[in-house]
Amino acid sequence: MNKVAILTDTPQSGQTYDTTYGKSALIAQGDYLLCAPGYTDPRATVRALKDLGATHLFLFESVGALSPLLETGDWIVPDDYIDGTRGQHYTYFSEKAGGYVQQVPPFDPASREAMLSALGSITARPFKRGVYVCVSNTRLETPAEALFWTRAGGHVVGRYLSPYLMLARELEMQVAVLGRVCRNGGQAGESFQVEISQGFLGHIIANLP
């Protein structure tokens, strides 16, 4: 049975859980699990979500546009990513050698299709593919970095994909990203909460295999 966990860039209430990697971020339980990145070890949060039964981890995040085709308010379901972060806990297997997690496809196709189906009920302008660039979660990108990542093939820039979704892949969870454009990359702007209505999320979950 599918159980979806949502990682969002909006602070959440909930409960922390003890894991081998310390305490998790706050996690709210209901029809789905809901949490936001905190100051805890990402491995603890993802491990706790898995222990609570999560089969999928979705990132719902407001993002900056790198592509001139994207406008504020647009929705995008990326099909690839570039990890521009460094210095984080990226794996559960740091003391082991010889293994790796396949990254083709980068995101679960069935989850992406379910998101696009749900988006069709609220907007006529969902972008069905694109490259998500993840930068440090401690700051926004500079104008020069936005230009660099645009030339590298990025379409949107966000802060929370890495290392959460990579860790989830190691725990055999299905992962995908739903982004909503809130600003142009390399420029100041206010983030806003990606809508997570019961009906919208229910549509996604109902369309998962």
N, C-alpha and C. Protein backbone atom coordinates (compact mmCIF):
# COMPACT_ATOMS: atom_id res chain seq x y z
N MET A 1 0.84 -1.19 0.00
CA MET A 1 0.00 0.00 0.00
C MET A 1 0.87 1.25 0.00
N ASN A 2 0.52 2.22 -0.82
CA ASN A 2 1.31 3.43 -0.91
C ASN A 2 1.09 4.34 0.29
N LYS A 3 2.17 4.91 0.79
CA LYS A 3 2.09 5.95 1.81
C LYS A 3 3.05 7.06 1.39
N VAL A 4 2.50 8.22 1.16
CA VAL A 4 3.27 9.33 0.62
C VAL A 4 3.78 10.23 1.75
N ALA A 5 5.04 10.62 1.65
CA ALA A 5 5.63 11.64 2.53
C ALA A 5 5.90 12.88 1.69
N ILE A 6 5.54 14.03 2.22
CA ILE A 6 5.75 15.31 1.53
C ILE A 6 6.81 16.10 2.26
N LEU A 7 7.83 16.51 1.53
CA LEU A 7 8.84 17.43 2.05
C LEU A 7 8.55 18.80 1.44
N THR A 8 8.34 19.80 2.27
CA THR A 8 7.97 21.12 1.78
C THR A 8 8.88 22.18 2.38
N ASP A 9 9.01 23.32 1.69
CA ASP A 9 9.87 24.39 2.19
C ASP A 9 9.15 25.32 3.15
N THR A 10 7.94 24.96 3.54
CA THR A 10 7.18 25.74 4.52
C THR A 10 7.28 25.07 5.89
N PRO A 11 7.65 25.80 6.95
CA PRO A 11 7.77 25.18 8.28
C PRO A 11 6.50 24.44 8.69
N GLN A 12 6.69 23.30 9.35
CA GLN A 12 5.57 22.44 9.74
C GLN A 12 5.63 22.15 11.23
N SER A 13 4.48 21.78 11.79
CA SER A 13 4.43 21.28 13.16
C SER A 13 4.43 19.76 13.10
N GLY A 14 4.52 19.13 14.25
CA GLY A 14 4.51 17.68 14.28
C GLY A 14 5.34 17.14 15.42
N GLN A 15 5.88 15.97 15.24
CA GLN A 15 6.63 15.27 16.28
C GLN A 15 7.98 14.83 15.73
N THR A 16 8.99 14.86 16.58
CA THR A 16 10.30 14.34 16.19
C THR A 16 10.39 12.85 16.54
N TYR A 17 11.26 12.15 15.84
CA TYR A 17 11.43 10.71 16.06
C TYR A 17 12.91 10.40 16.20
N ASP A 18 13.23 9.51 17.13
CA ASP A 18 14.61 9.11 17.36
C ASP A 18 15.03 8.07 16.34
N THR A 19 16.22 8.25 15.78
CA THR A 19 16.78 7.28 14.83
C THR A 19 18.25 7.08 15.16
N THR A 20 18.88 6.19 14.42
CA THR A 20 20.31 5.96 14.58
C THR A 20 21.12 7.22 14.31
N TYR A 21 20.54 8.12 13.52
CA TYR A 21 21.25 9.34 13.10
C TYR A 21 20.82 10.56 13.91
N GLY A 22 20.13 10.33 15.02
CA GLY A 22 19.67 11.42 15.85
C GLY A 22 18.18 11.66 15.66
N LYS A 23 17.72 12.80 16.12
CA LYS A 23 16.29 13.13 16.01
C LYS A 23 15.96 13.64 14.61
N SER A 24 14.77 13.27 14.16
CA SER A 24 14.30 13.74 12.86
C SER A 24 13.78 15.17 12.97
N ALA A 25 13.51 15.77 11.83
CA ALA A 25 12.76 17.01 11.81
C ALA A 25 11.33 16.73 12.26
N LEU A 26 10.55 17.77 12.50
CA LEU A 26 9.15 17.59 12.89
C LEU A 26 8.37 16.94 11.75
N ILE A 27 7.62 15.90 12.07
CA ILE A 27 6.83 15.18 11.09
C ILE A 27 5.38 15.11 11.56
N ALA A 28 4.47 15.55 10.71
CA ALA A 28 3.03 15.47 11.00
C ALA A 28 2.47 14.23 10.32
N GLN A 29 1.64 13.49 11.05
CA GLN A 29 1.04 12.27 10.51
C GLN A 29 -0.45 12.47 10.27
N GLY A 30 -0.92 11.90 9.18
CA GLY A 30 -2.32 11.92 8.82
C GLY A 30 -2.51 10.95 7.68
N ASP A 31 -3.28 11.35 6.68
CA ASP A 31 -3.42 10.52 5.48
C ASP A 31 -2.09 10.42 4.75
N TYR A 32 -1.21 11.38 5.00
CA TYR A 32 0.14 11.36 4.46
C TYR A 32 1.06 11.96 5.50
N LEU A 33 2.36 11.80 5.33
CA LEU A 33 3.36 12.36 6.23
C LEU A 33 3.82 13.70 5.68
N LEU A 34 4.01 14.67 6.54
CA LEU A 34 4.36 16.02 6.10
C LEU A 34 5.49 16.56 6.98
N CYS A 35 6.54 17.06 6.33
CA CYS A 35 7.65 17.62 7.10
C CYS A 35 8.36 18.68 6.28
N ALA A 36 9.18 19.45 6.95
CA ALA A 36 10.02 20.46 6.31
C ALA A 36 11.46 20.22 6.74
N PRO A 37 12.42 20.52 5.88
CA PRO A 37 13.82 20.37 6.29
C PRO A 37 14.10 21.22 7.53
N GLY A 38 14.81 20.65 8.45
CA GLY A 38 15.16 21.38 9.66
C GLY A 38 16.66 21.44 9.81
N TYR A 39 17.11 21.61 11.05
CA TYR A 39 18.55 21.67 11.31
C TYR A 39 19.09 20.31 11.74
N THR A 40 18.26 19.29 11.64
CA THR A 40 18.69 17.95 12.02
C THR A 40 19.38 17.27 10.84
N ASP A 41 20.02 16.16 11.12
CA ASP A 41 20.67 15.37 10.08
C ASP A 41 19.61 14.88 9.09
N PRO A 42 19.76 15.16 7.80
CA PRO A 42 18.77 14.70 6.83
C PRO A 42 18.57 13.19 6.86
N ARG A 43 19.62 12.45 7.18
CA ARG A 43 19.50 10.99 7.26
C ARG A 43 18.50 10.57 8.32
N ALA A 44 18.43 11.33 9.42
CA ALA A 44 17.48 11.01 10.49
C ALA A 44 16.04 11.22 10.00
N THR A 45 15.80 12.33 9.30
CA THR A 45 14.44 12.62 8.83
C THR A 45 13.97 11.59 7.82
N VAL A 46 14.82 11.27 6.85
CA VAL A 46 14.42 10.31 5.82
C VAL A 46 14.25 8.91 6.42
N ARG A 47 15.14 8.56 7.35
CA ARG A 47 15.01 7.26 8.02
C ARG A 47 13.71 7.17 8.80
N ALA A 48 13.34 8.25 9.49
CA ALA A 48 12.09 8.27 10.25
C ALA A 48 10.89 8.14 9.33
N LEU A 49 10.91 8.83 8.19
CA LEU A 49 9.80 8.72 7.23
C LEU A 49 9.66 7.28 6.74
N LYS A 50 10.79 6.66 6.46
CA LYS A 50 10.75 5.26 6.02
C LYS A 50 10.20 4.36 7.13
N ASP A 51 10.65 4.58 8.36
CA ASP A 51 10.18 3.77 9.47
C ASP A 51 8.68 3.96 9.74
N LEU A 52 8.16 5.14 9.36
CA LEU A 52 6.73 5.41 9.52
C LEU A 52 5.91 4.87 8.36
N GLY A 53 6.57 4.20 7.45
CA GLY A 53 5.85 3.50 6.39
C GLY A 53 5.86 4.18 5.03
N ALA A 54 6.61 5.27 4.86
CA ALA A 54 6.60 5.99 3.59
C ALA A 54 7.15 5.12 2.46
N THR A 55 6.41 5.06 1.38
CA THR A 55 6.86 4.38 0.16
C THR A 55 7.30 5.38 -0.90
N HIS A 56 6.84 6.64 -0.76
CA HIS A 56 7.16 7.71 -1.71
C HIS A 56 7.59 8.95 -0.92
N LEU A 57 8.54 9.70 -1.48
CA LEU A 57 8.90 11.00 -0.92
C LEU A 57 8.82 12.02 -2.05
N PHE A 58 7.92 12.98 -1.89
CA PHE A 58 7.71 14.03 -2.88
C PHE A 58 8.19 15.37 -2.30
N LEU A 59 8.92 16.12 -3.09
CA LEU A 59 9.31 17.47 -2.72
C LEU A 59 8.35 18.45 -3.36
N PHE A 60 7.62 19.22 -2.54
CA PHE A 60 6.76 20.30 -3.01
C PHE A 60 7.46 21.60 -2.61
N GLU A 61 7.91 22.37 -3.58
CA GLU A 61 8.77 23.51 -3.26
C GLU A 61 8.53 24.68 -4.21
N SER A 62 8.64 25.90 -3.69
CA SER A 62 8.66 27.08 -4.56
C SER A 62 10.09 27.24 -5.08
N VAL A 63 10.24 27.51 -6.37
CA VAL A 63 11.54 27.49 -7.03
C VAL A 63 11.74 28.78 -7.82
N GLY A 64 13.01 29.03 -8.20
CA GLY A 64 13.34 30.14 -9.08
C GLY A 64 13.43 29.66 -10.52
N ALA A 65 13.05 30.51 -11.45
CA ALA A 65 13.08 30.16 -12.87
C ALA A 65 14.45 30.49 -13.46
N LEU A 66 15.04 29.52 -14.14
CA LEU A 66 16.24 29.74 -14.93
C LEU A 66 15.92 29.85 -16.41
N SER A 67 14.84 29.20 -16.83
CA SER A 67 14.41 29.25 -18.22
C SER A 67 13.54 30.48 -18.47
N PRO A 68 13.75 31.19 -19.59
CA PRO A 68 12.89 32.35 -19.91
C PRO A 68 11.47 31.95 -20.25
N LEU A 69 11.21 30.67 -20.45
CA LEU A 69 9.86 30.20 -20.75
C LEU A 69 8.97 30.18 -19.51
N LEU A 70 9.61 30.18 -18.32
CA LEU A 70 8.86 30.05 -17.07
C LEU A 70 8.52 31.41 -16.49
N GLU A 71 7.31 31.52 -15.95
CA GLU A 71 6.84 32.75 -15.33
C GLU A 71 6.40 32.47 -13.90
N THR A 72 6.36 33.51 -13.09
CA THR A 72 5.89 33.37 -11.71
C THR A 72 4.49 32.76 -11.69
N GLY A 73 4.32 31.74 -10.88
CA GLY A 73 3.04 31.04 -10.79
C GLY A 73 2.98 29.76 -11.59
N ASP A 74 3.94 29.55 -12.50
CA ASP A 74 3.95 28.31 -13.29
C ASP A 74 4.29 27.12 -12.41
N TRP A 75 3.78 25.95 -12.80
CA TRP A 75 4.07 24.68 -12.14
C TRP A 75 4.97 23.85 -13.03
N ILE A 76 5.88 23.10 -12.42
CA ILE A 76 6.78 22.25 -13.18
C ILE A 76 7.01 20.94 -12.44
N VAL A 77 7.06 19.86 -13.21
CA VAL A 77 7.38 18.53 -12.68
C VAL A 77 8.68 18.09 -13.35
N PRO A 78 9.83 18.37 -12.75
CA PRO A 78 11.11 18.08 -13.39
C PRO A 78 11.30 16.59 -13.67
N ASP A 79 12.09 16.31 -14.72
CA ASP A 79 12.41 14.93 -15.03
C ASP A 79 13.90 14.63 -14.88
N ASP A 80 14.67 15.63 -14.41
CA ASP A 80 16.10 15.42 -14.19
C ASP A 80 16.58 16.48 -13.20
N TYR A 81 17.79 16.31 -12.70
CA TYR A 81 18.31 17.27 -11.75
C TYR A 81 19.83 17.38 -11.85
N ILE A 82 20.35 18.49 -11.35
CA ILE A 82 21.77 18.71 -11.15
C ILE A 82 21.97 19.04 -9.68
N ASP A 83 22.88 18.34 -9.02
CA ASP A 83 23.14 18.59 -7.61
C ASP A 83 24.35 19.52 -7.50
N GLY A 84 24.09 20.76 -7.12
CA GLY A 84 25.17 21.73 -6.96
C GLY A 84 25.55 21.95 -5.52
N THR A 85 25.14 21.06 -4.62
CA THR A 85 25.44 21.22 -3.20
C THR A 85 26.75 20.51 -2.86
N ARG A 86 27.22 20.75 -1.66
CA ARG A 86 28.43 20.08 -1.17
C ARG A 86 28.44 20.09 0.35
N GLY A 87 29.18 19.15 0.91
CA GLY A 87 29.37 19.13 2.35
C GLY A 87 28.20 18.61 3.15
N GLN A 88 27.30 17.82 2.54
CA GLN A 88 26.15 17.29 3.28
C GLN A 88 26.29 15.78 3.47
N HIS A 89 25.35 15.21 4.21
CA HIS A 89 25.31 13.76 4.39
C HIS A 89 24.51 13.16 3.23
N TYR A 90 25.20 12.62 2.24
CA TYR A 90 24.55 12.20 1.01
C TYR A 90 24.17 10.72 0.97
N THR A 91 24.68 9.92 1.90
CA THR A 91 24.48 8.48 1.79
C THR A 91 24.40 7.82 3.16
N TYR A 92 23.72 6.69 3.18
CA TYR A 92 23.69 5.84 4.37
C TYR A 92 24.84 4.84 4.36
N PHE A 93 25.59 4.80 3.27
CA PHE A 93 26.59 3.75 3.08
C PHE A 93 28.00 4.31 3.01
N SER A 94 28.29 5.35 3.78
CA SER A 94 29.59 6.01 3.70
C SER A 94 30.72 5.12 4.17
N GLU A 95 30.41 4.11 4.99
CA GLU A 95 31.47 3.22 5.48
C GLU A 95 31.55 1.93 4.68
N LYS A 96 30.83 1.88 3.58
CA LYS A 96 30.87 0.70 2.73
C LYS A 96 31.38 1.10 1.35
N ALA A 97 31.81 0.15 0.59
CA ALA A 97 32.36 0.44 -0.74
C ALA A 97 31.73 -0.49 -1.77
N GLY A 98 31.75 -0.03 -3.02
CA GLY A 98 31.37 -0.91 -4.13
C GLY A 98 29.93 -0.82 -4.56
N GLY A 99 29.10 -0.05 -3.90
CA GLY A 99 27.69 0.03 -4.28
C GLY A 99 27.31 1.41 -4.73
N TYR A 100 26.22 1.49 -5.47
CA TYR A 100 25.68 2.79 -5.86
C TYR A 100 24.21 2.62 -6.19
N VAL A 101 23.49 3.73 -6.21
CA VAL A 101 22.07 3.72 -6.51
C VAL A 101 21.88 4.24 -7.93
N GLN A 102 21.19 3.48 -8.74
CA GLN A 102 20.93 3.87 -10.12
C GLN A 102 20.16 5.19 -10.17
N GLN A 103 20.54 6.08 -11.07
CA GLN A 103 19.89 7.39 -11.19
C GLN A 103 19.20 7.56 -12.54
N VAL A 104 18.92 6.47 -13.21
CA VAL A 104 18.20 6.52 -14.48
C VAL A 104 16.96 5.64 -14.36
N PRO A 105 15.76 6.23 -14.35
CA PRO A 105 15.48 7.66 -14.45
C PRO A 105 15.71 8.36 -13.12
N PRO A 106 16.00 9.68 -13.15
CA PRO A 106 16.26 10.40 -11.91
C PRO A 106 15.05 10.45 -10.97
N PHE A 107 13.84 10.52 -11.54
CA PHE A 107 12.62 10.57 -10.74
C PHE A 107 11.67 9.47 -11.20
N ASP A 108 10.79 9.05 -10.30
CA ASP A 108 9.86 7.97 -10.59
C ASP A 108 8.85 8.41 -11.65
N PRO A 109 8.82 7.75 -12.82
CA PRO A 109 7.91 8.17 -13.89
C PRO A 109 6.44 8.10 -13.49
N ALA A 110 6.04 7.09 -12.73
CA ALA A 110 4.64 6.96 -12.33
C ALA A 110 4.23 8.10 -11.41
N SER A 111 5.12 8.49 -10.51
CA SER A 111 4.81 9.61 -9.60
C SER A 111 4.70 10.91 -10.38
N ARG A 112 5.58 11.09 -11.35
CA ARG A 112 5.52 12.30 -12.18
C ARG A 112 4.20 12.37 -12.96
N GLU A 113 3.79 11.25 -13.52
CA GLU A 113 2.53 11.22 -14.27
C GLU A 113 1.34 11.51 -13.36
N ALA A 114 1.39 11.00 -12.14
CA ALA A 114 0.30 11.27 -11.19
C ALA A 114 0.25 12.75 -10.83
N MET A 115 1.41 13.38 -10.66
CA MET A 115 1.44 14.82 -10.38
C MET A 115 0.89 15.62 -11.55
N LEU A 116 1.29 15.26 -12.76
CA LEU A 116 0.82 15.99 -13.94
C LEU A 116 -0.68 15.84 -14.12
N SER A 117 -1.21 14.66 -13.79
CA SER A 117 -2.65 14.46 -13.88
C SER A 117 -3.38 15.36 -12.90
N ALA A 118 -2.84 15.48 -11.67
CA ALA A 118 -3.45 16.36 -10.67
C ALA A 118 -3.35 17.82 -11.08
N LEU A 119 -2.22 18.21 -11.65
CA LEU A 119 -2.05 19.60 -12.09
C LEU A 119 -3.03 19.97 -13.19
N GLY A 120 -3.40 18.99 -14.00
CA GLY A 120 -4.35 19.27 -15.07
C GLY A 120 -5.69 19.76 -14.57
N SER A 121 -5.99 19.50 -13.29
CA SER A 121 -7.27 19.94 -12.73
C SER A 121 -7.23 21.37 -12.20
N ILE A 122 -6.01 21.97 -12.11
CA ILE A 122 -5.91 23.31 -11.55
C ILE A 122 -5.25 24.32 -12.48
N THR A 123 -4.58 23.86 -13.52
CA THR A 123 -3.89 24.79 -14.41
C THR A 123 -3.78 24.21 -15.81
N ALA A 124 -3.82 25.09 -16.79
CA ALA A 124 -3.64 24.66 -18.18
C ALA A 124 -2.18 24.80 -18.60
N ARG A 125 -1.31 25.19 -17.67
CA ARG A 125 0.08 25.47 -18.04
C ARG A 125 1.07 24.72 -17.14
N PRO A 126 0.97 23.40 -17.02
CA PRO A 126 2.00 22.68 -16.28
C PRO A 126 3.16 22.33 -17.20
N PHE A 127 4.38 22.53 -16.74
CA PHE A 127 5.54 22.14 -17.52
C PHE A 127 5.88 20.70 -17.18
N LYS A 128 5.90 19.85 -18.20
CA LYS A 128 5.95 18.41 -18.00
C LYS A 128 7.35 17.86 -17.82
N ARG A 129 8.35 18.68 -18.03
CA ARG A 129 9.72 18.22 -17.85
C ARG A 129 10.62 19.42 -17.62
N GLY A 130 11.81 19.15 -17.18
CA GLY A 130 12.77 20.22 -16.93
C GLY A 130 13.85 19.71 -15.99
N VAL A 131 14.93 20.48 -15.89
CA VAL A 131 16.05 20.13 -15.03
C VAL A 131 16.04 21.02 -13.79
N TYR A 132 15.96 20.39 -12.65
CA TYR A 132 15.98 21.07 -11.34
C TYR A 132 17.43 21.15 -10.88
N VAL A 133 17.89 22.34 -10.56
CA VAL A 133 19.22 22.54 -10.00
C VAL A 133 19.08 22.79 -8.51
N CYS A 134 19.79 22.01 -7.70
CA CYS A 134 19.73 22.19 -6.26
C CYS A 134 20.98 22.91 -5.79
N VAL A 135 20.77 24.02 -5.07
CA VAL A 135 21.88 24.77 -4.49
C VAL A 135 21.81 24.65 -2.97
N SER A 136 22.71 25.29 -2.28
CA SER A 136 22.76 25.20 -0.82
C SER A 136 21.45 25.66 -0.21
N ASN A 137 21.01 24.96 0.83
CA ASN A 137 19.76 25.36 1.49
C ASN A 137 19.95 26.50 2.48
N THR A 138 21.17 27.02 2.58
CA THR A 138 21.45 28.11 3.51
C THR A 138 21.34 29.48 2.85
N ARG A 139 21.20 29.52 1.52
CA ARG A 139 21.13 30.81 0.82
C ARG A 139 20.54 30.60 -0.56
N LEU A 140 20.16 31.71 -1.20
CA LEU A 140 19.76 31.67 -2.60
C LEU A 140 20.98 31.80 -3.49
N GLU A 141 20.82 31.47 -4.75
CA GLU A 141 21.91 31.55 -5.71
C GLU A 141 22.21 33.01 -6.08
N THR A 142 23.44 33.28 -6.47
CA THR A 142 23.83 34.60 -6.95
C THR A 142 23.44 34.75 -8.42
N PRO A 143 23.41 35.98 -8.96
CA PRO A 143 23.13 36.14 -10.40
C PRO A 143 24.11 35.37 -11.28
N ALA A 144 25.40 35.37 -10.90
CA ALA A 144 26.39 34.64 -11.69
C ALA A 144 26.13 33.14 -11.65
N GLU A 145 25.74 32.63 -10.49
CA GLU A 145 25.43 31.21 -10.38
C GLU A 145 24.19 30.86 -11.20
N ALA A 146 23.19 31.73 -11.19
CA ALA A 146 22.00 31.48 -12.00
C ALA A 146 22.36 31.39 -13.47
N LEU A 147 23.23 32.29 -13.93
CA LEU A 147 23.66 32.25 -15.33
C LEU A 147 24.45 30.98 -15.62
N PHE A 148 25.30 30.58 -14.69
CA PHE A 148 26.09 29.36 -14.85
C PHE A 148 25.20 28.14 -14.99
N TRP A 149 24.22 28.02 -14.09
CA TRP A 149 23.36 26.85 -14.12
C TRP A 149 22.42 26.87 -15.32
N THR A 150 22.04 28.06 -15.78
CA THR A 150 21.24 28.13 -17.00
C THR A 150 22.03 27.59 -18.18
N ARG A 151 23.29 27.99 -18.29
CA ARG A 151 24.14 27.51 -19.37
C ARG A 151 24.43 26.02 -19.25
N ALA A 152 24.35 25.50 -18.03
CA ALA A 152 24.56 24.06 -17.81
C ALA A 152 23.33 23.23 -18.14
N GLY A 153 22.20 23.91 -18.45
CA GLY A 153 20.99 23.19 -18.83
C GLY A 153 19.89 23.19 -17.80
N GLY A 154 20.04 23.96 -16.72
CA GLY A 154 19.01 24.01 -15.69
C GLY A 154 17.81 24.84 -16.11
N HIS A 155 16.63 24.46 -15.61
CA HIS A 155 15.39 25.19 -15.89
C HIS A 155 14.82 25.87 -14.65
N VAL A 156 15.00 25.25 -13.48
CA VAL A 156 14.58 25.86 -12.22
C VAL A 156 15.65 25.61 -11.19
N VAL A 157 15.65 26.45 -10.14
CA VAL A 157 16.63 26.28 -9.07
C VAL A 157 15.89 26.25 -7.74
N GLY A 158 16.26 25.27 -6.92
CA GLY A 158 15.67 25.10 -5.60
C GLY A 158 16.73 24.73 -4.58
N ARG A 159 16.30 24.46 -3.35
CA ARG A 159 17.27 24.29 -2.26
C ARG A 159 17.16 23.00 -1.47
N TYR A 160 16.14 22.19 -1.71
CA TYR A 160 15.88 21.11 -0.76
C TYR A 160 15.87 19.70 -1.34
N LEU A 161 16.11 19.56 -2.62
CA LEU A 161 16.13 18.20 -3.18
C LEU A 161 17.26 17.37 -2.58
N SER A 162 18.44 17.98 -2.53
CA SER A 162 19.62 17.26 -2.04
C SER A 162 19.89 17.63 -0.58
N PRO A 163 20.16 16.62 0.27
CA PRO A 163 20.31 15.20 -0.04
C PRO A 163 19.07 14.36 0.24
N TYR A 164 17.92 14.99 0.51
CA TYR A 164 16.76 14.23 0.99
C TYR A 164 16.29 13.18 -0.02
N LEU A 165 16.11 13.58 -1.26
CA LEU A 165 15.59 12.61 -2.22
C LEU A 165 16.62 11.57 -2.60
N MET A 166 17.90 11.90 -2.56
CA MET A 166 18.94 10.91 -2.82
C MET A 166 18.95 9.85 -1.72
N LEU A 167 18.82 10.31 -0.47
CA LEU A 167 18.77 9.37 0.64
C LEU A 167 17.54 8.47 0.54
N ALA A 168 16.41 9.05 0.13
CA ALA A 168 15.19 8.26 -0.02
C ALA A 168 15.36 7.18 -1.06
N ARG A 169 16.09 7.49 -2.13
CA ARG A 169 16.34 6.48 -3.16
C ARG A 169 17.11 5.29 -2.58
N GLU A 170 18.06 5.58 -1.68
CA GLU A 170 18.83 4.50 -1.07
C GLU A 170 17.94 3.59 -0.22
N LEU A 171 16.86 4.16 0.32
CA LEU A 171 15.93 3.36 1.13
C LEU A 171 14.77 2.82 0.29
N GLU A 172 14.94 2.85 -1.04
CA GLU A 172 13.99 2.26 -1.99
C GLU A 172 12.63 2.94 -1.97
N MET A 173 12.62 4.24 -1.72
CA MET A 173 11.40 5.03 -1.83
C MET A 173 11.34 5.64 -3.23
N GLN A 174 10.12 5.84 -3.74
CA GLN A 174 9.93 6.49 -5.03
C GLN A 174 9.93 8.00 -4.81
N VAL A 175 10.64 8.74 -5.66
CA VAL A 175 10.79 10.17 -5.43
C VAL A 175 10.38 10.98 -6.66
N ALA A 176 9.91 12.20 -6.42
CA ALA A 176 9.54 13.12 -7.49
C ALA A 176 9.46 14.52 -6.91
N VAL A 177 9.45 15.52 -7.81
CA VAL A 177 9.44 16.92 -7.40
C VAL A 177 8.29 17.65 -8.09
N LEU A 178 7.59 18.47 -7.33
CA LEU A 178 6.60 19.39 -7.87
C LEU A 178 7.01 20.79 -7.45
N GLY A 179 7.32 21.64 -8.44
CA GLY A 179 7.78 22.98 -8.13
C GLY A 179 6.82 24.04 -8.64
N ARG A 180 6.76 25.16 -7.93
CA ARG A 180 5.99 26.31 -8.40
C ARG A 180 6.91 27.52 -8.43
N VAL A 181 6.97 28.18 -9.56
CA VAL A 181 7.90 29.29 -9.76
C VAL A 181 7.44 30.50 -8.95
N CYS A 182 8.35 31.05 -8.13
CA CYS A 182 8.02 32.21 -7.31
C CYS A 182 8.87 33.43 -7.64
N ARG A 183 9.93 33.26 -8.47
CA ARG A 183 10.83 34.36 -8.77
C ARG A 183 11.71 33.96 -9.94
N ASN A 184 12.48 34.90 -10.47
CA ASN A 184 13.49 34.59 -11.45
C ASN A 184 14.78 34.19 -10.75
N GLY A 185 15.49 33.23 -11.30
CA GLY A 185 16.74 32.80 -10.70
C GLY A 185 17.75 33.93 -10.64
N GLY A 186 18.49 34.02 -9.54
CA GLY A 186 19.47 35.07 -9.37
C GLY A 186 18.89 36.39 -8.96
N GLN A 187 17.60 36.43 -8.64
CA GLN A 187 16.96 37.65 -8.20
C GLN A 187 16.25 37.41 -6.87
N ALA A 188 16.05 38.47 -6.13
CA ALA A 188 15.34 38.36 -4.87
C ALA A 188 13.87 38.07 -5.12
N GLY A 189 13.23 37.45 -4.18
CA GLY A 189 11.81 37.15 -4.31
C GLY A 189 11.30 36.46 -3.08
N GLU A 190 10.00 36.47 -2.91
CA GLU A 190 9.37 35.83 -1.77
C GLU A 190 8.87 34.44 -2.18
N SER A 191 9.22 33.44 -1.39
CA SER A 191 8.69 32.11 -1.64
C SER A 191 7.25 32.04 -1.16
N PHE A 192 6.50 31.08 -1.69
CA PHE A 192 5.14 30.89 -1.20
C PHE A 192 4.86 29.40 -1.14
N GLN A 193 3.93 29.03 -0.30
CA GLN A 193 3.64 27.63 -0.07
C GLN A 193 3.00 27.00 -1.29
N VAL A 194 3.55 25.87 -1.70
CA VAL A 194 2.93 25.10 -2.76
C VAL A 194 1.65 24.48 -2.21
N GLU A 195 0.54 24.71 -2.88
CA GLU A 195 -0.77 24.26 -2.39
C GLU A 195 -0.79 22.75 -2.19
N ILE A 196 -1.19 22.32 -1.01
CA ILE A 196 -1.29 20.89 -0.72
C ILE A 196 -2.69 20.63 -0.20
N SER A 197 -3.69 20.79 -1.02
CA SER A 197 -5.05 20.52 -0.59
C SER A 197 -5.27 19.01 -0.54
N GLN A 198 -6.21 18.59 0.28
CA GLN A 198 -6.53 17.17 0.38
C GLN A 198 -6.95 16.60 -0.98
N GLY A 199 -7.74 17.38 -1.71
CA GLY A 199 -8.20 16.89 -3.00
C GLY A 199 -7.07 16.75 -4.00
N PHE A 200 -6.16 17.73 -3.99
CA PHE A 200 -5.03 17.70 -4.92
C PHE A 200 -4.13 16.51 -4.63
N LEU A 201 -3.74 16.34 -3.36
CA LEU A 201 -2.87 15.22 -3.00
C LEU A 201 -3.60 13.89 -3.19
N GLY A 202 -4.91 13.87 -2.87
CA GLY A 202 -5.68 12.66 -3.07
C GLY A 202 -5.69 12.22 -4.53
N HIS A 203 -5.74 13.20 -5.45
CA HIS A 203 -5.69 12.90 -6.87
C HIS A 203 -4.37 12.25 -7.22
N ILE A 204 -3.27 12.78 -6.68
CA ILE A 204 -1.94 12.20 -6.95
C ILE A 204 -1.89 10.77 -6.45
N ILE A 205 -2.27 10.57 -5.19
CA ILE A 205 -2.16 9.23 -4.59
C ILE A 205 -3.05 8.23 -5.32
N ALA A 206 -4.24 8.66 -5.71
CA ALA A 206 -5.17 7.76 -6.41
C ALA A 206 -4.61 7.28 -7.74
N ASN A 207 -3.72 8.07 -8.33
CA ASN A 207 -3.16 7.71 -9.64
C ASN A 207 -1.81 7.01 -9.57
N LEU A 208 -1.36 6.73 -8.34
CA LEU A 208 -0.12 5.95 -8.20
C LEU A 208 -0.42 4.48 -8.42
N PRO A 209 0.49 3.75 -9.07
CA PRO A 209 0.24 2.33 -9.28
C PRO A 209 0.32 1.53 -7.99
